[in-house]
Amino acid sequence: MPNQSQRGDIERHIEELVGFDVMTPDHNKRYFAATLTAVSKMIMALGGKKFSDLTGEAKGEAYMAALNDVPFWAVEEALRRWYRGEFDKEYDYSFPPAPAILRKHAREEQYLVRHRGRRLRELLQAQEEA
């Protein structure tokens, strides 16, 4: 069982994890900028043929519409894993993922952090056996 000091550390870590969940473009302009930058770099790196500014803007808007409520760090992690080809073999990693596919994988990253918080809360609720 965790002692009082460890319990305090766990509680602080849970608070930090909860804070990660609100690091979304809808919540803060800085997170909006971070997400847009990550998406823009991905489009430039994997976009294939050169396209007009209007096309690039439309693509960016489509991604931001899909990712507006997803934490920027989860998007960055999903993109890192995309660049490494770590998802299903059905994908062609030489092209950008569709906005909905990127959202799906970014949300999976978000859920992993949520799960960690849930597990830590369970640890704090554990009782010693008599």
Protein backbone atom coordinates (compact mmCIF):
# COMPACT_ATOMS: atom_id res chain seq x y z
CA MET A 1 0.00 0.00 0.00
CA PRO A 2 1.28 3.50 -0.75
CA ASN A 3 2.35 5.57 2.24
CA GLN A 4 1.14 9.17 2.73
CA SER A 5 4.01 10.66 0.76
CA GLN A 6 3.45 8.27 -2.12
CA ARG A 7 -0.29 8.94 -2.01
CA GLY A 8 0.41 12.66 -2.35
CA ASP A 9 2.68 12.02 -5.34
CA ILE A 10 0.03 9.83 -6.97
CA GLU A 11 -2.69 12.44 -6.38
CA ARG A 12 -0.52 15.18 -7.93
CA HIS A 13 0.21 12.94 -10.92
CA ILE A 14 -3.52 12.28 -11.39
CA GLU A 15 -4.14 16.05 -11.40
CA GLU A 16 -1.46 16.48 -14.07
CA LEU A 17 -3.03 13.75 -16.19
CA VAL A 18 -6.44 15.40 -15.93
CA GLY A 19 -4.83 18.64 -17.09
CA PHE A 20 -3.50 16.91 -20.19
CA ASP A 21 -7.05 16.20 -21.30
CA VAL A 22 -7.90 19.89 -21.78
CA MET A 23 -4.88 20.74 -23.93
CA THR A 24 -7.12 21.03 -26.98
CA PRO A 25 -7.37 23.59 -29.79
CA ASP A 26 -10.84 24.55 -28.56
CA HIS A 27 -9.49 25.24 -25.09
CA ASN A 28 -6.48 27.41 -25.80
CA LYS A 29 -4.97 29.32 -28.74
CA ARG A 30 -1.51 27.94 -27.96
CA TYR A 31 -2.81 24.37 -28.31
CA PHE A 32 -4.60 25.38 -31.51
CA ALA A 33 -1.30 26.67 -32.90
CA ALA A 34 0.58 23.53 -31.84
CA THR A 35 -1.98 21.25 -33.49
CA LEU A 36 -2.12 23.32 -36.66
CA THR A 37 1.69 23.35 -36.87
CA ALA A 38 1.88 19.56 -36.48
CA VAL A 39 -0.82 19.02 -39.11
CA SER A 40 0.75 21.55 -41.51
CA LYS A 41 4.14 19.86 -41.26
CA MET A 42 2.55 16.48 -41.90
CA ILE A 43 0.72 17.80 -44.98
CA MET A 44 3.95 19.31 -46.31
CA ALA A 45 5.97 16.17 -45.59
CA LEU A 46 3.48 13.65 -46.94
CA GLY A 47 1.18 15.73 -49.12
CA GLY A 48 2.63 14.52 -52.39
CA LYS A 49 2.14 16.96 -55.25
CA LYS A 50 2.29 20.67 -54.66
CA PHE A 51 -1.10 22.30 -54.19
CA SER A 52 -2.46 25.83 -54.07
CA ASP A 53 -2.68 27.92 -50.89
CA LEU A 54 -6.45 27.52 -50.99
CA THR A 55 -6.16 23.73 -51.14
CA GLY A 56 -3.67 23.76 -48.27
CA GLU A 57 -5.97 25.97 -46.22
CA ALA A 58 -8.94 23.69 -46.91
CA LYS A 59 -6.93 20.64 -45.86
CA GLY A 60 -5.83 22.39 -42.68
CA GLU A 61 -9.41 23.35 -41.87
CA ALA A 62 -10.58 19.77 -42.38
CA TYR A 63 -7.95 18.46 -39.98
CA MET A 64 -8.67 21.15 -37.40
CA ALA A 65 -12.40 20.39 -37.57
CA ALA A 66 -11.59 16.75 -36.84
CA LEU A 67 -9.08 17.55 -34.08
CA ASN A 68 -10.57 20.57 -32.32
CA ASP A 69 -11.36 18.60 -29.14
CA VAL A 70 -8.28 16.34 -29.13
CA PRO A 71 -5.22 17.32 -27.05
CA PHE A 72 -2.35 18.62 -29.16
CA TRP A 73 0.14 16.21 -27.58
CA ALA A 74 -2.07 13.25 -28.60
CA VAL A 75 -2.08 14.51 -32.20
CA GLU A 76 1.70 14.90 -32.13
CA GLU A 77 2.13 11.38 -30.74
CA ALA A 78 -0.25 9.88 -33.33
CA LEU A 79 1.68 11.64 -36.09
CA ARG A 80 5.02 10.40 -34.71
CA ARG A 81 3.65 6.88 -34.77
CA TRP A 82 2.27 7.45 -38.31
CA TYR A 83 5.70 8.55 -39.53
CA ARG A 84 7.12 5.35 -38.04
CA GLY A 85 4.43 3.14 -39.61
CA GLU A 86 3.28 1.76 -36.27
CA PHE A 87 -0.41 1.35 -37.03
CA ASP A 88 -2.29 -1.22 -39.13
CA LYS A 89 -0.62 -2.59 -42.23
CA GLU A 90 -3.65 -1.50 -44.25
CA TYR A 91 -2.36 2.09 -44.34
CA ASP A 92 -0.08 3.60 -46.94
CA TYR A 93 2.25 5.65 -44.77
CA SER A 94 3.63 7.59 -47.70
CA PHE A 95 0.41 9.67 -47.64
CA PRO A 96 -1.20 11.68 -44.84
CA PRO A 97 -3.95 9.94 -42.89
CA ALA A 98 -7.47 11.20 -43.51
CA PRO A 99 -8.61 13.62 -40.77
CA ALA A 100 -10.91 10.99 -39.23
CA ILE A 101 -8.10 8.40 -39.18
CA LEU A 102 -5.71 10.83 -37.50
CA ARG A 103 -8.45 11.68 -34.99
CA LYS A 104 -9.00 8.00 -34.23
CA HIS A 105 -5.32 7.38 -33.51
CA ALA A 106 -4.88 10.61 -31.54
CA ARG A 107 -7.89 9.74 -29.38
CA GLU A 108 -6.33 6.33 -28.69
CA GLU A 109 -3.28 8.16 -27.31
CA GLN A 110 -5.57 10.33 -25.19
CA TYR A 111 -7.39 7.26 -23.87
CA LEU A 112 -4.09 5.67 -22.80
CA VAL A 113 -3.41 8.65 -20.53
CA ARG A 114 -6.98 8.59 -19.21
CA HIS A 115 -6.57 4.90 -18.46
CA ARG A 116 -3.40 5.60 -16.49
CA GLY A 117 -5.30 8.13 -14.38
CA ARG A 118 -8.10 5.63 -13.78
CA ARG A 119 -5.61 2.97 -12.69
CA LEU A 120 -3.93 5.38 -10.29
CA ARG A 121 -7.30 6.33 -8.77
CA GLU A 122 -7.98 2.62 -8.27
CA LEU A 123 -4.64 2.27 -6.55
CA LEU A 124 -5.55 5.06 -4.13
CA GLN A 125 -8.88 3.34 -3.35
CA ALA A 126 -7.26 -0.03 -2.67
CA GLN A 127 -7.57 -1.41 0.86
CA GLU A 128 -5.12 -3.66 2.67
CA GLU A 129 -6.33 -7.18 3.22
CA ALA A 130 -7.08 -7.96 6.85
